[in-house]
Amino acid sequence: MSTTTKAPSIHALVADLIGAVNLVEMNHEAGNIEGAIRLLLQARDALVAAQNEEITDQMIDDFLCAAFEGGINYWCTGVKVVGKFPKGAEYASDCVSRGSTLILTEDCGEGDPPRKRELTREKMLYGIRTEAAREGVTIEALYENHDASTADCIVQLAVLGELVYG
């Protein structure tokens, strides 16, 4: 049985930062200022660690595989690799980690024409980091426990910038 390592959510970290700044502004006593500074430094270190946590090529490939095999099929009607498959890529889900761009076709609903959405490595990194922060877990925990729904959220965040569907 795997366990999920909880990381502080971005919202909790921001709240801690705001609280620490308020404490510094409101208190002039050395003890209170030192405590506020300590809290600020802890929150800063947690934010930096979350941004610097490693995302491997395998993670990107696996998240995309889960997305393409069932996570995004209800809103995405097509995936196309721009140009040729890069060396070592067997499937479209292997291409982004190797530097290629994918074009996803978004089904916008009745009466609206489909939209083409670009998916790059940088966008996937953003989607993964944002979903981990949204869920309040480490990237490793997100990866270890991911499913098609998780992958759907990651890809939506990557190409749409927010969760729009489901």
Protein backbone atom coordinates (compact mmCIF):
# COMPACT_ATOMS: atom_id res chain seq x y z
CA MET A 1 0.00 0.00 0.00
CA SER A 2 1.51 3.32 -1.04
CA THR A 3 1.23 6.40 1.08
CA THR A 4 0.76 9.93 -0.13
CA THR A 5 3.17 12.49 1.23
CA LYS A 6 1.20 15.66 1.91
CA ALA A 7 2.90 18.90 1.03
CA PRO A 8 1.54 22.23 2.15
CA SER A 9 -0.80 23.65 -0.49
CA ILE A 10 0.17 26.86 -2.23
CA HIS A 11 -2.82 28.48 -0.51
CA ALA A 12 -1.53 27.43 2.92
CA LEU A 13 1.97 28.69 2.09
CA VAL A 14 0.63 32.04 0.88
CA ALA A 15 -1.51 32.31 4.03
CA ASP A 16 1.60 31.62 6.13
CA LEU A 17 3.50 34.32 4.24
CA ILE A 18 0.71 36.84 4.71
CA GLY A 19 0.47 35.98 8.39
CA ALA A 20 4.20 36.37 8.85
CA VAL A 21 4.26 39.72 7.06
CA ASN A 22 1.34 40.92 9.19
CA LEU A 23 3.15 39.77 12.33
CA VAL A 24 6.30 41.67 11.31
CA GLU A 25 4.27 44.82 10.63
CA MET A 26 2.25 44.63 13.85
CA ASN A 27 4.95 43.68 16.34
CA HIS A 28 8.16 45.42 17.24
CA GLU A 29 9.37 43.06 19.91
CA ALA A 30 12.43 41.03 18.95
CA GLY A 31 10.84 37.68 19.83
CA ASN A 32 7.83 38.27 17.61
CA ILE A 33 9.89 39.55 14.72
CA GLU A 34 12.25 36.59 14.95
CA GLY A 35 9.29 34.20 14.89
CA ALA A 36 7.80 35.96 11.89
CA ILE A 37 11.11 35.89 10.06
CA ARG A 38 11.46 32.18 10.82
CA LEU A 39 7.96 31.56 9.41
CA LEU A 40 8.74 33.61 6.31
CA LEU A 41 11.94 31.66 5.72
CA GLN A 42 10.16 28.32 6.18
CA ALA A 43 7.41 29.31 3.75
CA ARG A 44 10.00 30.56 1.25
CA ASP A 45 11.97 27.33 1.50
CA ALA A 46 8.83 25.23 0.98
CA LEU A 47 7.87 27.27 -2.10
CA VAL A 48 11.37 26.95 -3.55
CA ALA A 49 11.43 23.20 -2.86
CA ALA A 50 8.06 22.74 -4.57
CA GLN A 51 9.29 24.62 -7.63
CA ASN A 52 12.58 22.71 -7.74
CA GLU A 53 11.21 19.19 -7.24
CA GLU A 54 12.39 17.04 -10.13
CA ILE A 55 9.98 16.06 -12.90
CA THR A 56 11.47 13.26 -14.98
CA ASP A 57 10.89 12.50 -18.65
CA GLN A 58 9.27 9.23 -17.57
CA MET A 59 6.77 11.14 -15.42
CA ILE A 60 5.80 13.34 -18.37
CA ASP A 61 5.44 10.29 -20.65
CA ASP A 62 3.34 8.39 -18.11
CA PHE A 63 1.04 11.32 -17.31
CA LEU A 64 0.45 11.82 -21.04
CA CYS A 65 -0.13 8.10 -21.62
CA ALA A 66 -2.83 8.11 -18.91
CA ALA A 67 -4.36 11.26 -20.40
CA PHE A 68 -4.44 9.88 -23.95
CA GLU A 69 -5.72 6.45 -22.90
CA GLY A 70 -8.83 7.80 -21.24
CA GLY A 71 -8.28 10.96 -19.24
CA ILE A 72 -8.96 13.64 -21.85
CA ASN A 73 -11.04 11.76 -24.41
CA TYR A 74 -14.27 13.48 -23.37
CA TRP A 75 -13.01 16.95 -24.37
CA CYS A 76 -10.05 16.25 -26.68
CA THR A 77 -10.87 14.69 -30.06
CA GLY A 78 -7.38 14.47 -31.52
CA VAL A 79 -3.65 14.58 -30.81
CA LYS A 80 -1.07 15.31 -33.49
CA VAL A 81 2.71 15.49 -33.27
CA VAL A 82 4.17 18.60 -34.92
CA GLY A 83 6.81 17.36 -37.35
CA LYS A 84 8.40 13.95 -37.03
CA PHE A 85 8.50 11.73 -33.97
CA PRO A 86 11.75 12.45 -32.10
CA LYS A 87 14.36 9.74 -31.67
CA GLY A 88 13.29 7.19 -29.08
CA ALA A 89 9.59 8.09 -29.19
CA GLU A 90 7.23 5.25 -29.99
CA TYR A 91 3.94 6.96 -29.12
CA ALA A 92 2.66 10.55 -29.14
CA SER A 93 2.83 10.44 -25.33
CA ASP A 94 6.62 10.00 -25.60
CA CYS A 95 7.19 13.08 -27.76
CA VAL A 96 6.75 16.03 -25.39
CA SER A 97 9.49 14.88 -23.01
CA ARG A 98 11.81 14.69 -26.01
CA GLY A 99 11.16 18.28 -27.05
CA SER A 100 8.35 17.92 -29.59
CA THR A 101 5.13 19.89 -29.59
CA LEU A 102 1.72 18.26 -29.75
CA ILE A 103 -1.47 19.81 -31.08
CA LEU A 104 -4.59 18.79 -29.17
CA THR A 105 -8.02 19.35 -30.69
CA GLU A 106 -10.46 20.64 -28.11
CA ASP A 107 -14.15 19.84 -28.67
CA CYS A 108 -15.80 23.08 -27.58
CA GLY A 109 -19.36 21.76 -27.74
CA GLU A 110 -22.30 22.11 -30.06
CA GLY A 111 -22.16 25.05 -32.39
CA ASP A 112 -18.59 26.01 -31.52
CA PRO A 113 -15.74 25.04 -33.83
CA PRO A 114 -12.98 22.86 -32.36
CA ARG A 115 -9.88 24.68 -31.11
CA LYS A 116 -6.28 23.62 -31.60
CA ARG A 117 -4.24 23.71 -28.41
CA GLU A 118 -0.45 23.50 -28.26
CA LEU A 119 1.20 21.22 -25.69
CA THR A 120 4.92 21.64 -24.99
CA ARG A 121 7.32 20.36 -22.37
CA GLU A 122 7.20 23.70 -20.50
CA LYS A 123 3.40 23.61 -20.44
CA MET A 124 3.43 20.04 -19.10
CA LEU A 125 5.87 21.05 -16.35
CA TYR A 126 3.51 23.87 -15.42
CA GLY A 127 0.50 21.50 -15.42
CA ILE A 128 2.27 18.93 -13.24
CA ARG A 129 3.52 21.49 -10.70
CA THR A 130 0.15 23.23 -10.57
CA GLU A 131 -1.79 20.00 -10.07
CA ALA A 132 0.58 18.85 -7.31
CA ALA A 133 0.14 22.21 -5.55
CA ARG A 134 -3.64 22.10 -6.08
CA GLU A 135 -3.80 18.63 -4.54
CA GLY A 136 -1.36 19.56 -1.77
CA VAL A 137 1.00 16.68 -2.53
CA THR A 138 4.57 16.33 -3.69
CA ILE A 139 5.18 15.73 -7.37
CA GLU A 140 6.48 12.26 -6.55
CA ALA A 141 3.27 11.44 -4.65
CA LEU A 142 1.17 12.82 -7.50
CA TYR A 143 3.07 10.58 -9.91
CA GLU A 144 2.94 7.46 -7.74
CA ASN A 145 -0.83 7.76 -7.29
CA HIS A 146 -1.90 9.19 -10.64
CA ASP A 147 -4.77 7.93 -12.74
CA ALA A 148 -6.61 9.12 -15.85
CA SER A 149 -8.42 11.81 -13.86
CA THR A 150 -5.14 13.21 -12.50
CA ALA A 151 -3.67 13.20 -16.00
CA ASP A 152 -6.75 14.99 -17.32
CA CYS A 153 -6.30 17.78 -14.77
CA ILE A 154 -2.60 18.10 -15.62
CA VAL A 155 -3.25 18.39 -19.36
CA GLN A 156 -6.13 20.85 -18.87
CA LEU A 157 -3.89 23.03 -16.69
CA ALA A 158 -1.10 22.71 -19.26
CA VAL A 159 -3.08 23.64 -22.37
CA LEU A 160 -6.02 25.65 -21.00
CA GLY A 161 -4.37 27.24 -17.97
CA GLU A 162 -7.27 26.17 -15.73
CA LEU A 163 -9.66 23.29 -15.12
CA VAL A 164 -12.51 23.76 -17.58
CA TYR A 165 -13.94 20.28 -18.03
CA GLY A 166 -15.21 17.61 -15.61
